[in-house]
Amino acid sequence: MSKHCAIIGDIKGSRDLDNWPETFQKLTEILQEVNRRYSEEILIEFNPTIGDEFQGALRTPERAFDVYTFIKASLPVQIYCGMGIGEIEKSQDDDKGLRGSAFYRAREALEECKNQELSLIFKSQNQKNHADETINIILMLIWTIESSWTDRQKEIVNCFRLHPDYTLSELGGNFRISQPTVSSILKASNYQDIYKAETHIAGILRVK
């Protein structure tokens, strides 16, 4: 049985955004970069769909969390995101008429995200299982920590997520702050714990 991974996202509070055209343009550019950066893993290219939604699919879930993290860290606004593993059917070559268990599960996960005010929910089966519960509990804890961050903490952490090869000095240079200040901000953000949790999730998906 195929184990593709569908990802469906939604811009949180898009109706209240004053700069929606700029946000939509930024989203489009980010999705284009996702398609370029993860081209070998992509089964269906990521694109905006209807309203404030976007979607795409990967051949396997191995890099799914990396894709999600890249989109989340690159956007200046918050998103809801549903991730589903399963089969994918394409009725045409132009990616219209997409369906299959991966998309159904991603849609269900997205709706749960909205209802629970979470950033990401993951589904690999129709019924709950241990791996899904483990991932979603970790995601909920990550979101709980992130929701307490200041705007400055979000900026620093997201920049670090996008540039994991940066030294603290290089990261500080982006914001014109010192290395000790960067270190203090990351420590106050509990980023080391967040990083371990995100690495653990990525590891689980690589063996799915």
N, C-alpha and C. Protein backbone atom coordinates (compact mmCIF):
# COMPACT_ATOMS: atom_id res chain seq x y z
N MET A 1 0.85 -1.19 0.00
CA MET A 1 0.00 0.00 0.00
C MET A 1 0.88 1.24 0.00
N SER A 2 0.52 2.25 -0.82
CA SER A 2 1.29 3.48 -0.90
C SER A 2 1.21 4.24 0.41
N LYS A 3 2.30 4.90 0.73
CA LYS A 3 2.33 5.75 1.92
C LYS A 3 2.80 7.14 1.52
N HIS A 4 1.96 7.80 0.73
CA HIS A 4 2.23 9.18 0.37
C HIS A 4 1.80 10.08 1.52
N CYS A 5 2.20 11.34 1.46
CA CYS A 5 1.83 12.28 2.52
C CYS A 5 1.25 13.54 1.92
N ALA A 6 -0.01 13.82 2.25
CA ALA A 6 -0.67 15.04 1.80
C ALA A 6 -0.62 16.07 2.92
N ILE A 7 -0.43 17.33 2.54
CA ILE A 7 -0.40 18.43 3.50
C ILE A 7 -1.37 19.50 3.02
N ILE A 8 -2.31 19.86 3.87
CA ILE A 8 -3.26 20.93 3.58
C ILE A 8 -3.12 22.00 4.66
N GLY A 9 -2.93 23.24 4.23
CA GLY A 9 -2.77 24.33 5.18
C GLY A 9 -3.80 25.42 4.98
N ASP A 10 -3.94 26.25 6.01
CA ASP A 10 -4.92 27.33 6.00
C ASP A 10 -4.32 28.50 6.77
N ILE A 11 -4.38 29.70 6.19
CA ILE A 11 -3.89 30.88 6.87
C ILE A 11 -4.84 31.26 8.00
N LYS A 12 -4.32 31.35 9.20
CA LYS A 12 -5.15 31.66 10.36
C LYS A 12 -5.56 33.14 10.34
N GLY A 13 -6.88 33.38 10.48
CA GLY A 13 -7.38 34.76 10.58
C GLY A 13 -7.18 35.58 9.32
N SER A 14 -7.20 34.93 8.16
CA SER A 14 -6.92 35.66 6.91
C SER A 14 -7.94 36.76 6.64
N ARG A 15 -9.17 36.57 7.06
CA ARG A 15 -10.20 37.58 6.80
C ARG A 15 -9.93 38.88 7.53
N ASP A 16 -9.15 38.82 8.58
CA ASP A 16 -8.86 40.02 9.37
C ASP A 16 -7.55 40.68 8.97
N LEU A 17 -6.85 40.11 7.98
CA LEU A 17 -5.58 40.67 7.56
C LEU A 17 -5.79 41.88 6.66
N ASP A 18 -5.11 42.98 6.97
CA ASP A 18 -5.21 44.18 6.14
C ASP A 18 -4.36 44.07 4.89
N ASN A 19 -3.34 43.22 4.95
CA ASN A 19 -2.39 43.11 3.83
C ASN A 19 -2.50 41.75 3.14
N TRP A 20 -3.73 41.28 2.91
CA TRP A 20 -3.92 39.96 2.32
C TRP A 20 -3.22 39.79 0.97
N PRO A 21 -3.27 40.76 0.04
CA PRO A 21 -2.56 40.57 -1.23
C PRO A 21 -1.07 40.31 -1.04
N GLU A 22 -0.44 41.04 -0.12
CA GLU A 22 0.98 40.83 0.15
C GLU A 22 1.23 39.47 0.80
N THR A 23 0.33 39.08 1.72
CA THR A 23 0.47 37.78 2.38
C THR A 23 0.30 36.65 1.38
N PHE A 24 -0.68 36.78 0.48
CA PHE A 24 -0.91 35.75 -0.53
C PHE A 24 0.30 35.64 -1.47
N GLN A 25 0.86 36.77 -1.84
CA GLN A 25 2.04 36.75 -2.70
C GLN A 25 3.21 36.08 -2.00
N LYS A 26 3.38 36.37 -0.72
CA LYS A 26 4.45 35.74 0.06
C LYS A 26 4.23 34.24 0.15
N LEU A 27 2.98 33.82 0.40
CA LEU A 27 2.66 32.40 0.45
C LEU A 27 3.00 31.72 -0.87
N THR A 28 2.63 32.34 -1.98
CA THR A 28 2.92 31.77 -3.30
C THR A 28 4.41 31.59 -3.51
N GLU A 29 5.19 32.59 -3.12
CA GLU A 29 6.65 32.52 -3.28
C GLU A 29 7.24 31.41 -2.41
N ILE A 30 6.73 31.27 -1.19
CA ILE A 30 7.23 30.24 -0.28
C ILE A 30 6.93 28.85 -0.82
N LEU A 31 5.72 28.66 -1.34
CA LEU A 31 5.35 27.36 -1.90
C LEU A 31 6.19 27.03 -3.14
N GLN A 32 6.49 28.04 -3.94
CA GLN A 32 7.37 27.82 -5.09
C GLN A 32 8.76 27.38 -4.63
N GLU A 33 9.24 27.97 -3.53
CA GLU A 33 10.54 27.59 -2.99
C GLU A 33 10.49 26.17 -2.42
N VAL A 34 9.37 25.80 -1.81
CA VAL A 34 9.20 24.42 -1.33
C VAL A 34 9.31 23.45 -2.50
N ASN A 35 8.63 23.76 -3.59
CA ASN A 35 8.66 22.90 -4.77
C ASN A 35 10.06 22.76 -5.34
N ARG A 36 10.83 23.82 -5.26
CA ARG A 36 12.21 23.77 -5.75
C ARG A 36 13.11 23.03 -4.79
N ARG A 37 13.01 23.37 -3.50
CA ARG A 37 13.92 22.83 -2.48
C ARG A 37 13.70 21.34 -2.25
N TYR A 38 12.46 20.89 -2.33
CA TYR A 38 12.14 19.49 -2.05
C TYR A 38 11.65 18.77 -3.30
N SER A 39 12.16 19.15 -4.46
CA SER A 39 11.66 18.65 -5.73
C SER A 39 11.70 17.12 -5.84
N GLU A 40 12.72 16.50 -5.29
CA GLU A 40 12.84 15.04 -5.40
C GLU A 40 11.79 14.32 -4.57
N GLU A 41 11.30 14.96 -3.50
CA GLU A 41 10.31 14.33 -2.63
C GLU A 41 8.88 14.62 -3.04
N ILE A 42 8.68 15.62 -3.88
CA ILE A 42 7.33 16.09 -4.17
C ILE A 42 6.61 15.21 -5.20
N LEU A 43 5.42 14.78 -4.84
CA LEU A 43 4.54 14.02 -5.73
C LEU A 43 3.59 14.97 -6.45
N ILE A 44 3.02 15.92 -5.70
CA ILE A 44 2.12 16.93 -6.24
C ILE A 44 2.61 18.28 -5.73
N GLU A 45 2.89 19.20 -6.61
CA GLU A 45 3.46 20.48 -6.21
C GLU A 45 2.53 21.25 -5.27
N PHE A 46 3.15 22.01 -4.39
CA PHE A 46 2.41 22.84 -3.45
C PHE A 46 1.97 24.12 -4.12
N ASN A 47 0.68 24.44 -3.95
CA ASN A 47 0.10 25.65 -4.54
C ASN A 47 -1.05 26.15 -3.68
N PRO A 48 -1.37 27.44 -3.76
CA PRO A 48 -2.61 27.92 -3.14
C PRO A 48 -3.78 27.23 -3.83
N THR A 49 -4.86 26.99 -3.10
CA THR A 49 -6.03 26.33 -3.71
C THR A 49 -7.21 27.29 -3.69
N ILE A 50 -8.08 27.17 -2.70
CA ILE A 50 -9.24 28.05 -2.64
C ILE A 50 -9.14 28.94 -1.41
N GLY A 51 -9.59 30.19 -1.55
CA GLY A 51 -9.57 31.09 -0.41
C GLY A 51 -8.17 31.27 0.14
N ASP A 52 -8.00 30.89 1.40
CA ASP A 52 -6.71 31.07 2.07
C ASP A 52 -6.01 29.73 2.31
N GLU A 53 -6.36 28.71 1.52
CA GLU A 53 -5.77 27.39 1.70
C GLU A 53 -4.66 27.12 0.70
N PHE A 54 -3.83 26.14 1.06
CA PHE A 54 -2.81 25.64 0.14
C PHE A 54 -2.66 24.14 0.38
N GLN A 55 -2.12 23.43 -0.60
CA GLN A 55 -1.93 22.00 -0.43
C GLN A 55 -0.88 21.47 -1.39
N GLY A 56 -0.41 20.28 -1.08
CA GLY A 56 0.55 19.58 -1.91
C GLY A 56 0.75 18.19 -1.33
N ALA A 57 1.58 17.39 -1.95
CA ALA A 57 1.80 16.03 -1.47
C ALA A 57 3.23 15.58 -1.73
N LEU A 58 3.72 14.74 -0.84
CA LEU A 58 5.07 14.18 -0.94
C LEU A 58 4.99 12.69 -1.24
N ARG A 59 6.02 12.17 -1.87
CA ARG A 59 6.06 10.75 -2.21
C ARG A 59 6.06 9.87 -0.97
N THR A 60 6.73 10.33 0.09
CA THR A 60 6.76 9.64 1.37
C THR A 60 6.68 10.70 2.47
N PRO A 61 6.40 10.31 3.71
CA PRO A 61 6.35 11.29 4.79
C PRO A 61 7.71 11.69 5.34
N GLU A 62 8.79 11.18 4.74
CA GLU A 62 10.13 11.36 5.31
C GLU A 62 10.50 12.83 5.54
N ARG A 63 10.17 13.71 4.58
CA ARG A 63 10.54 15.11 4.73
C ARG A 63 9.34 16.00 5.03
N ALA A 64 8.24 15.39 5.42
CA ALA A 64 6.99 16.15 5.62
C ALA A 64 7.13 17.21 6.71
N PHE A 65 7.77 16.86 7.82
CA PHE A 65 7.88 17.84 8.90
C PHE A 65 8.84 18.96 8.51
N ASP A 66 9.85 18.64 7.71
CA ASP A 66 10.76 19.68 7.22
C ASP A 66 10.01 20.69 6.35
N VAL A 67 9.13 20.17 5.47
CA VAL A 67 8.34 21.04 4.61
C VAL A 67 7.43 21.93 5.44
N TYR A 68 6.75 21.33 6.40
CA TYR A 68 5.86 22.10 7.28
C TYR A 68 6.63 23.18 8.03
N THR A 69 7.77 22.82 8.59
CA THR A 69 8.56 23.77 9.35
C THR A 69 9.04 24.92 8.48
N PHE A 70 9.44 24.61 7.25
CA PHE A 70 9.90 25.66 6.34
C PHE A 70 8.77 26.65 6.04
N ILE A 71 7.58 26.14 5.73
CA ILE A 71 6.44 27.02 5.44
C ILE A 71 6.09 27.85 6.66
N LYS A 72 6.01 27.20 7.81
CA LYS A 72 5.62 27.88 9.04
C LYS A 72 6.61 28.97 9.42
N ALA A 73 7.90 28.67 9.32
CA ALA A 73 8.93 29.63 9.71
C ALA A 73 9.08 30.76 8.72
N SER A 74 8.70 30.53 7.46
CA SER A 74 8.87 31.54 6.42
C SER A 74 7.72 32.54 6.37
N LEU A 75 6.53 32.10 6.75
CA LEU A 75 5.36 32.98 6.67
C LEU A 75 5.31 33.97 7.84
N PRO A 76 4.90 35.19 7.59
CA PRO A 76 4.78 36.18 8.67
C PRO A 76 3.49 36.04 9.47
N VAL A 77 2.65 35.07 9.10
CA VAL A 77 1.37 34.84 9.79
C VAL A 77 1.29 33.38 10.23
N GLN A 78 0.35 33.09 11.11
CA GLN A 78 0.20 31.73 11.61
C GLN A 78 -0.66 30.90 10.66
N ILE A 79 -0.45 29.59 10.72
CA ILE A 79 -1.21 28.69 9.87
C ILE A 79 -1.79 27.54 10.70
N TYR A 80 -2.87 26.97 10.17
CA TYR A 80 -3.35 25.66 10.59
C TYR A 80 -2.86 24.68 9.53
N CYS A 81 -2.53 23.47 9.94
CA CYS A 81 -2.02 22.52 8.96
C CYS A 81 -2.43 21.10 9.32
N GLY A 82 -2.96 20.38 8.32
CA GLY A 82 -3.30 18.97 8.49
C GLY A 82 -2.38 18.13 7.63
N MET A 83 -1.85 17.05 8.21
CA MET A 83 -0.93 16.17 7.50
C MET A 83 -1.50 14.76 7.52
N GLY A 84 -1.65 14.14 6.34
CA GLY A 84 -2.22 12.80 6.27
C GLY A 84 -1.38 11.86 5.45
N ILE A 85 -1.26 10.62 5.92
CA ILE A 85 -0.50 9.60 5.20
C ILE A 85 -1.47 8.56 4.65
N GLY A 86 -1.24 8.15 3.41
CA GLY A 86 -2.10 7.14 2.79
C GLY A 86 -1.93 7.13 1.29
N GLU A 87 -2.98 6.71 0.60
CA GLU A 87 -2.95 6.65 -0.86
C GLU A 87 -3.41 7.97 -1.46
N ILE A 88 -2.96 8.23 -2.69
CA ILE A 88 -3.38 9.42 -3.42
C ILE A 88 -3.74 9.02 -4.84
N GLU A 89 -4.90 9.50 -5.30
CA GLU A 89 -5.34 9.25 -6.66
C GLU A 89 -5.38 10.57 -7.42
N LYS A 90 -4.90 10.55 -8.66
CA LYS A 90 -4.93 11.72 -9.52
C LYS A 90 -5.76 11.38 -10.75
N SER A 91 -6.82 12.15 -11.00
CA SER A 91 -7.68 11.86 -12.14
C SER A 91 -7.12 12.43 -13.44
N GLN A 92 -6.28 13.45 -13.34
CA GLN A 92 -5.70 14.07 -14.53
C GLN A 92 -4.24 14.38 -14.26
N ASP A 93 -3.51 14.69 -15.31
CA ASP A 93 -2.09 15.01 -15.17
C ASP A 93 -1.86 16.38 -14.55
N ASP A 94 -2.87 17.25 -14.54
CA ASP A 94 -2.66 18.60 -14.04
C ASP A 94 -3.04 18.74 -12.57
N ASP A 95 -3.11 17.61 -11.86
CA ASP A 95 -3.35 17.60 -10.41
C ASP A 95 -4.75 18.06 -10.01
N LYS A 96 -5.70 18.02 -10.93
CA LYS A 96 -7.09 18.30 -10.55
C LYS A 96 -7.77 16.99 -10.18
N GLY A 97 -8.82 17.08 -9.38
CA GLY A 97 -9.55 15.89 -8.99
C GLY A 97 -8.76 14.99 -8.07
N LEU A 98 -7.94 15.59 -7.22
CA LEU A 98 -7.12 14.80 -6.30
C LEU A 98 -7.98 14.20 -5.20
N ARG A 99 -7.70 12.97 -4.86
CA ARG A 99 -8.41 12.34 -3.76
C ARG A 99 -7.56 11.19 -3.23
N GLY A 100 -8.11 10.46 -2.26
CA GLY A 100 -7.38 9.36 -1.66
C GLY A 100 -7.27 9.53 -0.15
N SER A 101 -6.93 8.46 0.54
CA SER A 101 -6.93 8.48 2.01
C SER A 101 -5.98 9.52 2.59
N ALA A 102 -4.86 9.79 1.90
CA ALA A 102 -3.92 10.79 2.42
C ALA A 102 -4.58 12.16 2.48
N PHE A 103 -5.31 12.54 1.43
CA PHE A 103 -5.98 13.83 1.41
C PHE A 103 -7.17 13.87 2.37
N TYR A 104 -7.92 12.76 2.45
CA TYR A 104 -9.04 12.72 3.39
C TYR A 104 -8.55 12.92 4.83
N ARG A 105 -7.45 12.23 5.17
CA ARG A 105 -6.90 12.34 6.53
C ARG A 105 -6.32 13.72 6.79
N ALA A 106 -5.67 14.29 5.77
CA ALA A 106 -5.12 15.64 5.94
C ALA A 106 -6.24 16.65 6.17
N ARG A 107 -7.35 16.49 5.44
CA ARG A 107 -8.50 17.39 5.62
C ARG A 107 -9.10 17.24 7.02
N GLU A 108 -9.25 16.01 7.47
CA GLU A 108 -9.78 15.77 8.83
C GLU A 108 -8.85 16.39 9.87
N ALA A 109 -7.54 16.22 9.67
CA ALA A 109 -6.57 16.77 10.61
C ALA A 109 -6.63 18.29 10.63
N LEU A 110 -6.80 18.91 9.45
CA LEU A 110 -6.89 20.37 9.37
C LEU A 110 -8.10 20.88 10.13
N GLU A 111 -9.24 20.22 9.98
CA GLU A 111 -10.44 20.66 10.68
C GLU A 111 -10.27 20.51 12.20
N GLU A 112 -9.58 19.46 12.63
CA GLU A 112 -9.30 19.29 14.05
C GLU A 112 -8.39 20.40 14.55
N CYS A 113 -7.43 20.79 13.73
CA CYS A 113 -6.53 21.90 14.08
C CYS A 113 -7.33 23.17 14.37
N LYS A 114 -8.25 23.47 13.47
CA LYS A 114 -9.05 24.68 13.63
C LYS A 114 -9.91 24.61 14.89
N ASN A 115 -10.51 23.46 15.12
CA ASN A 115 -11.37 23.31 16.29
C ASN A 115 -10.61 23.40 17.60
N GLN A 116 -9.37 22.89 17.59
CA GLN A 116 -8.56 22.87 18.81
C GLN A 116 -7.57 24.02 18.90
N GLU A 117 -7.56 24.89 17.89
CA GLU A 117 -6.64 26.03 17.85
C GLU A 117 -5.19 25.58 17.96
N LEU A 118 -4.83 24.57 17.17
CA LEU A 118 -3.46 24.07 17.14
C LEU A 118 -2.82 24.40 15.79
N SER A 119 -1.53 24.23 15.69
CA SER A 119 -0.81 24.55 14.46
C SER A 119 -0.77 23.37 13.48
N LEU A 120 -0.61 22.16 14.00
CA LEU A 120 -0.48 20.99 13.14
C LEU A 120 -1.04 19.75 13.83
N ILE A 121 -1.78 18.95 13.07
CA ILE A 121 -2.24 17.63 13.53
C ILE A 121 -1.92 16.63 12.43
N PHE A 122 -1.54 15.43 12.85
CA PHE A 122 -1.05 14.39 11.96
C PHE A 122 -1.96 13.17 12.03
N LYS A 123 -2.28 12.58 10.86
CA LYS A 123 -3.10 11.36 10.83
C LYS A 123 -2.52 10.39 9.82
N SER A 124 -2.28 9.15 10.26
CA SER A 124 -1.80 8.13 9.34
C SER A 124 -2.79 7.00 9.16
N GLN A 125 -3.82 6.94 10.03
CA GLN A 125 -4.84 5.91 9.93
C GLN A 125 -6.19 6.51 10.28
N ASN A 126 -7.26 5.77 9.95
CA ASN A 126 -8.59 6.26 10.26
C ASN A 126 -8.86 6.25 11.75
N GLN A 127 -8.25 5.32 12.44
CA GLN A 127 -8.39 5.23 13.89
C GLN A 127 -7.08 5.67 14.55
N LYS A 128 -7.18 6.11 15.78
CA LYS A 128 -5.99 6.54 16.51
C LYS A 128 -5.03 5.36 16.71
N ASN A 129 -3.76 5.65 16.61
CA ASN A 129 -2.76 4.64 16.94
C ASN A 129 -1.66 5.28 17.76
N HIS A 130 -0.76 4.46 18.25
CA HIS A 130 0.26 4.95 19.18
C HIS A 130 1.16 6.01 18.55
N ALA A 131 1.61 5.76 17.32
CA ALA A 131 2.53 6.71 16.67
C ALA A 131 1.85 8.06 16.44
N ASP A 132 0.61 8.03 15.97
CA ASP A 132 -0.12 9.28 15.75
C ASP A 132 -0.30 10.04 17.06
N GLU A 133 -0.70 9.34 18.11
CA GLU A 133 -0.91 9.99 19.39
C GLU A 133 0.38 10.59 19.93
N THR A 134 1.49 9.85 19.77
CA THR A 134 2.78 10.36 20.23
C THR A 134 3.14 11.65 19.51
N ILE A 135 3.03 11.64 18.18
CA ILE A 135 3.36 12.84 17.39
C ILE A 135 2.47 14.00 17.79
N ASN A 136 1.17 13.78 17.89
CA ASN A 136 0.24 14.87 18.16
C ASN A 136 0.37 15.42 19.58
N ILE A 137 0.71 14.57 20.53
CA ILE A 137 0.95 15.06 21.89
C ILE A 137 2.19 15.96 21.92
N ILE A 138 3.25 15.52 21.22
CA ILE A 138 4.46 16.34 21.14
C ILE A 138 4.16 17.66 20.45
N LEU A 139 3.39 17.61 19.36
CA LEU A 139 3.03 18.83 18.65
C LEU A 139 2.24 19.78 19.53
N MET A 140 1.34 19.25 20.35
CA MET A 140 0.55 20.07 21.24
C MET A 140 1.44 20.76 22.29
N LEU A 141 2.42 20.03 22.80
CA LEU A 141 3.34 20.61 23.78
C LEU A 141 4.21 21.70 23.13
N ILE A 142 4.66 21.44 21.90
CA ILE A 142 5.43 22.46 21.17
C ILE A 142 4.59 23.72 21.00
N TRP A 143 3.34 23.54 20.58
CA TRP A 143 2.46 24.68 20.35
C TRP A 143 2.21 25.45 21.65
N THR A 144 2.08 24.74 22.75
CA THR A 144 1.87 25.40 24.04
C THR A 144 3.04 26.31 24.38
N ILE A 145 4.25 25.84 24.13
CA ILE A 145 5.44 26.66 24.39
C ILE A 145 5.49 27.83 23.41
N GLU A 146 5.26 27.55 22.13
CA GLU A 146 5.36 28.61 21.11
C GLU A 146 4.33 29.72 21.34
N SER A 147 3.16 29.36 21.83
CA SER A 147 2.11 30.36 22.01
C SER A 147 2.46 31.39 23.09
N SER A 148 3.48 31.09 23.89
CA SER A 148 3.90 32.04 24.93
C SER A 148 5.06 32.93 24.47
N TRP A 149 5.56 32.72 23.25
CA TRP A 149 6.70 33.48 22.77
C TRP A 149 6.34 34.92 22.46
N THR A 150 7.33 35.80 22.64
CA THR A 150 7.19 37.18 22.20
C THR A 150 7.47 37.23 20.70
N ASP A 151 7.15 38.36 20.07
CA ASP A 151 7.44 38.50 18.64
C ASP A 151 8.93 38.35 18.37
N ARG A 152 9.77 38.86 19.26
CA ARG A 152 11.21 38.76 19.08
C ARG A 152 11.68 37.31 19.14
N GLN A 153 11.14 36.57 20.08
CA GLN A 153 11.50 35.15 20.19
C GLN A 153 11.10 34.39 18.92
N LYS A 154 9.91 34.68 18.39
CA LYS A 154 9.46 34.04 17.15
C LYS A 154 10.41 34.35 16.00
N GLU A 155 10.83 35.61 15.90
CA GLU A 155 11.73 36.02 14.82
C GLU A 155 13.05 35.25 14.89
N ILE A 156 13.62 35.20 16.09
CA ILE A 156 14.93 34.55 16.27
C ILE A 156 14.83 33.06 16.00
N VAL A 157 13.84 32.41 16.61
CA VAL A 157 13.70 30.95 16.46
C VAL A 157 13.41 30.58 15.00
N ASN A 158 12.51 31.31 14.36
CA ASN A 158 12.17 30.99 12.97
C ASN A 158 13.35 31.21 12.03
N CYS A 159 14.15 32.24 12.31
CA CYS A 159 15.36 32.45 11.51
C CYS A 159 16.33 31.28 11.69
N PHE A 160 16.44 30.79 12.92
CA PHE A 160 17.31 29.66 13.21
C PHE A 160 16.80 28.40 12.52
N ARG A 161 15.47 28.23 12.49
CA ARG A 161 14.88 27.07 11.82
C ARG A 161 15.19 27.09 10.32
N LEU A 162 15.15 28.28 9.74
CA LEU A 162 15.39 28.41 8.32
C LEU A 162 16.88 28.33 7.96
N HIS A 163 17.73 28.63 8.96
CA HIS A 163 19.18 28.62 8.73
C HIS A 163 19.88 27.84 9.86
N PRO A 164 19.64 26.53 9.92
CA PRO A 164 20.22 25.73 11.02
C PRO A 164 21.74 25.69 11.01
N ASP A 165 22.35 26.09 9.88
CA ASP A 165 23.80 26.09 9.78
C ASP A 165 24.42 27.36 10.36
N TYR A 166 23.59 28.34 10.72
CA TYR A 166 24.10 29.59 11.28
C TYR A 166 24.74 29.36 12.65
N THR A 167 25.81 30.07 12.91
CA THR A 167 26.32 30.14 14.27
C THR A 167 25.48 31.18 15.01
N LEU A 168 25.61 31.22 16.32
CA LEU A 168 24.85 32.22 17.09
C LEU A 168 25.29 33.63 16.72
N SER A 169 26.57 33.79 16.39
CA SER A 169 27.07 35.11 15.98
C SER A 169 26.43 35.54 14.66
N GLU A 170 26.34 34.60 13.71
CA GLU A 170 25.72 34.91 12.41
C GLU A 170 24.24 35.20 12.59
N LEU A 171 23.60 34.44 13.46
CA LEU A 171 22.18 34.67 13.72
C LEU A 171 21.98 36.05 14.33
N GLY A 172 22.83 36.40 15.29
CA GLY A 172 22.74 37.72 15.91
C GLY A 172 22.99 38.84 14.93
N GLY A 173 23.91 38.59 13.97
CA GLY A 173 24.21 39.61 12.97
C GLY A 173 23.01 39.98 12.14
N ASN A 174 22.10 39.03 11.91
CA ASN A 174 20.89 39.30 11.15
C ASN A 174 19.98 40.31 11.85
N PHE A 175 20.08 40.32 13.18
CA PHE A 175 19.20 41.18 13.97
C PHE A 175 19.95 42.29 14.69
N ARG A 176 21.25 42.37 14.41
CA ARG A 176 22.10 43.39 15.04
C ARG A 176 22.08 43.30 16.55
N ILE A 177 22.17 42.06 17.03
CA ILE A 177 22.28 41.83 18.47
C ILE A 177 23.47 40.91 18.72
N SER A 178 23.93 40.87 19.95
CA SER A 178 25.13 40.11 20.29
C SER A 178 24.84 38.62 20.42
N GLN A 179 25.90 37.83 20.37
CA GLN A 179 25.76 36.39 20.55
C GLN A 179 25.16 36.03 21.91
N PRO A 180 25.62 36.67 23.02
CA PRO A 180 24.99 36.36 24.32
C PRO A 180 23.50 36.66 24.35
N THR A 181 23.09 37.72 23.64
CA THR A 181 21.66 38.07 23.61
C THR A 181 20.87 36.99 22.86
N VAL A 182 21.44 36.53 21.73
CA VAL A 182 20.79 35.45 20.98
C VAL A 182 20.66 34.21 21.85
N SER A 183 21.74 33.86 22.52
CA SER A 183 21.74 32.68 23.40
C SER A 183 20.68 32.81 24.48
N SER A 184 20.57 34.01 25.06
CA SER A 184 19.57 34.25 26.11
C SER A 184 18.15 34.12 25.58
N ILE A 185 17.91 34.63 24.37
CA ILE A 185 16.58 34.56 23.77
C ILE A 185 16.20 33.11 23.47
N LEU A 186 17.14 32.35 22.92
CA LEU A 186 16.87 30.94 22.60
C LEU A 186 16.61 30.14 23.88
N LYS A 187 17.37 30.45 24.93
CA LYS A 187 17.18 29.75 26.20
C LYS A 187 15.81 30.06 26.78
N ALA A 188 15.42 31.34 26.75
CA ALA A 188 14.11 31.74 27.28
C ALA A 188 12.97 31.14 26.47
N SER A 189 13.26 30.84 25.19
CA SER A 189 12.24 30.24 24.32
C SER A 189 12.14 28.73 24.48
N ASN A 190 13.05 28.15 25.29
CA ASN A 190 13.13 26.68 25.44
C ASN A 190 13.39 26.02 24.08
N TYR A 191 14.19 26.71 23.24
CA TYR A 191 14.37 26.21 21.89
C TYR A 191 15.10 24.87 21.86
N GLN A 192 16.01 24.64 22.78
CA GLN A 192 16.72 23.37 22.78
C GLN A 192 15.75 22.21 22.94
N ASP A 193 14.77 22.37 23.82
CA ASP A 193 13.75 21.34 24.01
C ASP A 193 12.85 21.21 22.78
N ILE A 194 12.50 22.37 22.18
CA ILE A 194 11.69 22.36 20.96
C ILE A 194 12.43 21.62 19.85
N TYR A 195 13.72 21.91 19.71
CA TYR A 195 14.53 21.28 18.67
C TYR A 195 14.56 19.76 18.85
N LYS A 196 14.75 19.30 20.08
CA LYS A 196 14.77 17.86 20.34
C LYS A 196 13.43 17.23 19.99
N ALA A 197 12.34 17.91 20.35
CA ALA A 197 11.00 17.39 20.07
C ALA A 197 10.75 17.32 18.56
N GLU A 198 11.13 18.38 17.84
CA GLU A 198 10.91 18.39 16.39
C GLU A 198 11.78 17.34 15.69
N THR A 199 13.00 17.16 16.19
CA THR A 199 13.88 16.13 15.62
C THR A 199 13.30 14.75 15.84
N HIS A 200 12.67 14.54 17.01
CA HIS A 200 12.05 13.25 17.32
C HIS A 200 10.88 12.99 16.38
N ILE A 201 10.05 14.00 16.12
CA ILE A 201 8.92 13.85 15.20
C ILE A 201 9.42 13.50 13.81
N ALA A 202 10.43 14.23 13.34
CA ALA A 202 10.99 13.97 12.02
C ALA A 202 11.51 12.54 11.92
N GLY A 203 12.11 12.04 13.00
CA GLY A 203 12.61 10.68 13.03
C GLY A 203 11.51 9.65 12.93
N ILE A 204 10.39 9.89 13.61
CA ILE A 204 9.25 8.97 13.54
C ILE A 204 8.72 8.93 12.10
N LEU A 205 8.61 10.08 11.45
CA LEU A 205 8.07 10.12 10.09
C LEU A 205 8.99 9.43 9.09
N ARG A 206 10.28 9.42 9.36
CA ARG A 206 11.22 8.79 8.42
C ARG A 206 11.07 7.28 8.39
N VAL A 207 10.49 6.70 9.44
CA VAL A 207 10.32 5.24 9.46
C VAL A 207 8.88 4.85 9.23
N LYS A 208 8.01 5.82 8.91
CA LYS A 208 6.60 5.52 8.65
C LYS A 208 6.45 4.66 7.39
